[in-house]
């Protein structure tokens, strides 16, 4: 190899940093959390004045759709575990422990995320909804 190329290659490899798996995981988790917070904030700004709960998610013939049905159908819940999680979320919303607005913004984020994520055509929106809402609920002191 030419001396100039060797010097450039050595310089490049020394400048490169090596991250451990734990650091990469933490960095990825931090990125996902920042994305979640920014998307939730953006969804709240866009829907200011008219949220799904205020407008009442309307189905056919102008009828209001129940939260359970909205989550089950909109998140493409397929398993019994998905149904149990949705039932728990609905219970927490109805008892007032979990804000409906938080559930709605996370619902919208999960649906959007499943559409925009590369290779997500195989993933259902609930795959994103469940961990995101669990994390946000934990911050409010609600266990899902």
Protein backbone atom coordinates (compact mmCIF):
# COMPACT_ATOMS: atom_id res chain seq x y z
CA UNK A 1 0.00 0.00 0.00
CA UNK A 2 1.15 3.53 -0.65
CA UNK A 3 2.35 5.42 2.44
CA UNK A 4 -0.28 8.14 2.01
CA UNK A 5 -3.15 5.61 1.84
CA UNK A 6 -1.77 3.72 4.82
CA UNK A 7 -1.65 6.92 6.87
CA UNK A 8 -5.25 7.79 5.93
CA UNK A 9 -6.45 4.28 6.75
CA UNK A 10 -4.70 4.36 10.13
CA UNK A 11 -6.13 7.79 10.91
CA UNK A 12 -9.63 6.65 9.96
CA UNK A 13 -9.54 3.50 12.10
CA UNK A 14 -8.18 5.38 15.12
CA UNK A 15 -10.90 8.02 14.86
CA UNK A 16 -13.66 5.41 14.75
CA UNK A 17 -15.32 4.77 18.11
CA UNK A 18 -16.53 1.35 19.14
CA UNK A 19 -19.77 1.15 21.09
CA UNK A 20 -20.72 -1.82 23.20
CA UNK A 21 -24.04 -3.56 22.70
CA UNK A 22 -25.33 -2.02 25.91
CA UNK A 23 -24.38 1.48 24.72
CA UNK A 24 -26.02 0.86 21.34
CA UNK A 25 -29.18 -0.40 23.06
CA UNK A 26 -29.25 2.63 25.36
CA UNK A 27 -28.71 4.96 22.42
CA UNK A 28 -31.50 3.28 20.46
CA UNK A 29 -33.84 3.43 23.46
CA UNK A 30 -33.05 7.11 23.93
CA UNK A 31 -33.74 7.78 20.25
CA UNK A 32 -37.06 5.93 20.44
CA UNK A 33 -38.05 7.86 23.56
CA UNK A 34 -37.18 11.20 21.97
CA UNK A 35 -39.17 10.23 18.88
CA UNK A 36 -42.13 9.19 21.02
CA UNK A 37 -42.14 12.43 22.99
CA UNK A 38 -41.78 14.60 19.90
CA UNK A 39 -44.51 12.72 18.01
CA UNK A 40 -46.84 12.92 21.01
CA UNK A 41 -46.17 16.65 21.28
CA UNK A 42 -46.70 17.10 17.54
CA UNK A 43 -49.94 15.12 17.60
CA UNK A 44 -51.16 17.22 20.52
CA UNK A 45 -50.34 20.43 18.65
CA UNK A 46 -52.03 19.28 15.46
CA UNK A 47 -55.14 18.15 17.23
CA UNK A 48 -55.39 21.16 19.53
CA UNK A 49 -59.01 22.09 19.85
CA UNK A 50 -60.32 18.82 18.44
CA UNK A 51 -59.11 15.54 19.85
CA UNK A 52 -60.55 12.14 19.13
CA UNK A 53 -62.19 12.12 22.54
CA UNK A 54 -63.73 15.57 22.01
CA UNK A 55 -64.92 14.89 18.49
CA UNK A 56 -65.93 11.40 19.52
CA UNK A 57 -64.30 8.98 17.08
CA UNK A 58 -67.10 8.70 14.56
CA UNK A 59 -67.91 5.53 12.70
CA UNK A 60 -70.51 4.93 10.04
CA UNK A 61 -73.71 6.95 10.23
CA UNK A 62 -72.06 9.40 12.65
CA UNK A 63 -72.13 6.96 15.57
CA UNK A 64 -69.48 7.21 18.22
CA UNK A 65 -66.98 4.35 18.36
CA UNK A 66 -66.18 2.90 21.78
CA UNK A 67 -62.58 3.19 22.97
CA UNK A 68 -62.23 -0.59 23.16
CA UNK A 69 -63.38 -1.00 19.55
CA UNK A 70 -61.18 1.88 18.39
CA UNK A 71 -58.10 0.30 19.95
CA UNK A 72 -58.93 -3.29 18.96
CA UNK A 73 -59.58 -2.49 15.30
CA UNK A 74 -57.18 0.43 14.86
CA UNK A 75 -54.24 -1.40 16.42
CA UNK A 76 -55.08 -4.71 14.72
CA UNK A 77 -55.16 -6.62 18.00
CA UNK A 78 -55.12 -10.32 17.17
CA UNK A 79 -54.13 -12.26 20.28
CA UNK A 80 -55.78 -12.79 23.65
CA UNK A 81 -52.87 -10.95 25.27
CA UNK A 82 -53.58 -7.94 23.02
CA UNK A 83 -57.25 -8.02 24.03
CA UNK A 84 -56.34 -8.22 27.75
CA UNK A 85 -53.99 -5.25 27.40
CA UNK A 86 -56.65 -3.20 25.61
CA UNK A 87 -59.23 -4.11 28.25
CA UNK A 88 -56.80 -2.95 30.96
CA UNK A 89 -56.21 0.35 29.12
CA UNK A 90 -59.96 0.93 28.74
CA UNK A 91 -60.49 0.20 32.45
CA UNK A 92 -57.75 2.67 33.46
CA UNK A 93 -59.23 5.35 31.17
CA UNK A 94 -62.76 4.82 32.53
CA UNK A 95 -61.56 5.00 36.15
CA UNK A 96 -59.73 8.23 35.34
CA UNK A 97 -56.23 6.97 36.15
CA UNK A 98 -55.05 7.20 32.53
CA UNK A 99 -55.88 10.28 30.42
CA UNK A 100 -57.84 9.52 27.24
CA UNK A 101 -55.81 12.17 25.46
CA UNK A 102 -52.59 10.25 26.19
CA UNK A 103 -54.12 7.02 24.90
CA UNK A 104 -55.35 8.77 21.74
CA UNK A 105 -52.00 10.40 20.97
CA UNK A 106 -50.14 7.11 21.52
CA UNK A 107 -52.74 5.34 19.36
CA UNK A 108 -52.18 7.79 16.50
CA UNK A 109 -48.40 7.59 16.90
CA UNK A 110 -48.42 3.77 16.81
CA UNK A 111 -50.56 3.69 13.67
CA UNK A 112 -48.29 6.20 11.95
CA UNK A 113 -45.15 4.41 13.13
CA UNK A 114 -46.31 1.08 11.73
CA UNK A 115 -46.84 2.70 8.33
CA UNK A 116 -43.56 4.63 8.14
CA UNK A 117 -41.18 2.11 9.71
CA UNK A 118 -39.15 0.21 7.06
CA UNK A 119 -40.31 -3.40 6.89
CA UNK A 120 -43.24 -2.62 9.17
CA UNK A 121 -45.78 -3.96 6.72
CA UNK A 122 -45.58 -7.16 8.72
CA UNK A 123 -45.95 -5.47 12.11
CA UNK A 124 -49.25 -4.51 13.67
CA UNK A 125 -49.58 -1.07 15.30
CA UNK A 126 -50.11 -2.66 18.72
CA UNK A 127 -46.46 -3.75 18.62
CA UNK A 128 -45.54 -0.06 19.02
CA UNK A 129 -48.56 0.99 21.11
CA UNK A 130 -48.15 -1.42 24.01
CA UNK A 131 -44.58 -0.60 25.12
CA UNK A 132 -45.02 3.13 24.45
CA UNK A 133 -48.21 3.41 26.50
CA UNK A 134 -46.82 1.19 29.25
CA UNK A 135 -43.81 3.49 29.58
CA UNK A 136 -45.93 6.65 29.64
CA UNK A 137 -48.41 5.13 32.11
CA UNK A 138 -45.57 4.10 34.41
CA UNK A 139 -44.47 7.75 34.56
CA UNK A 140 -47.96 8.64 35.76
CA UNK A 141 -47.86 5.88 38.37
CA UNK A 142 -50.28 3.60 36.51
CA UNK A 143 -49.35 -0.03 36.08
CA UNK A 144 -50.55 -1.72 32.90
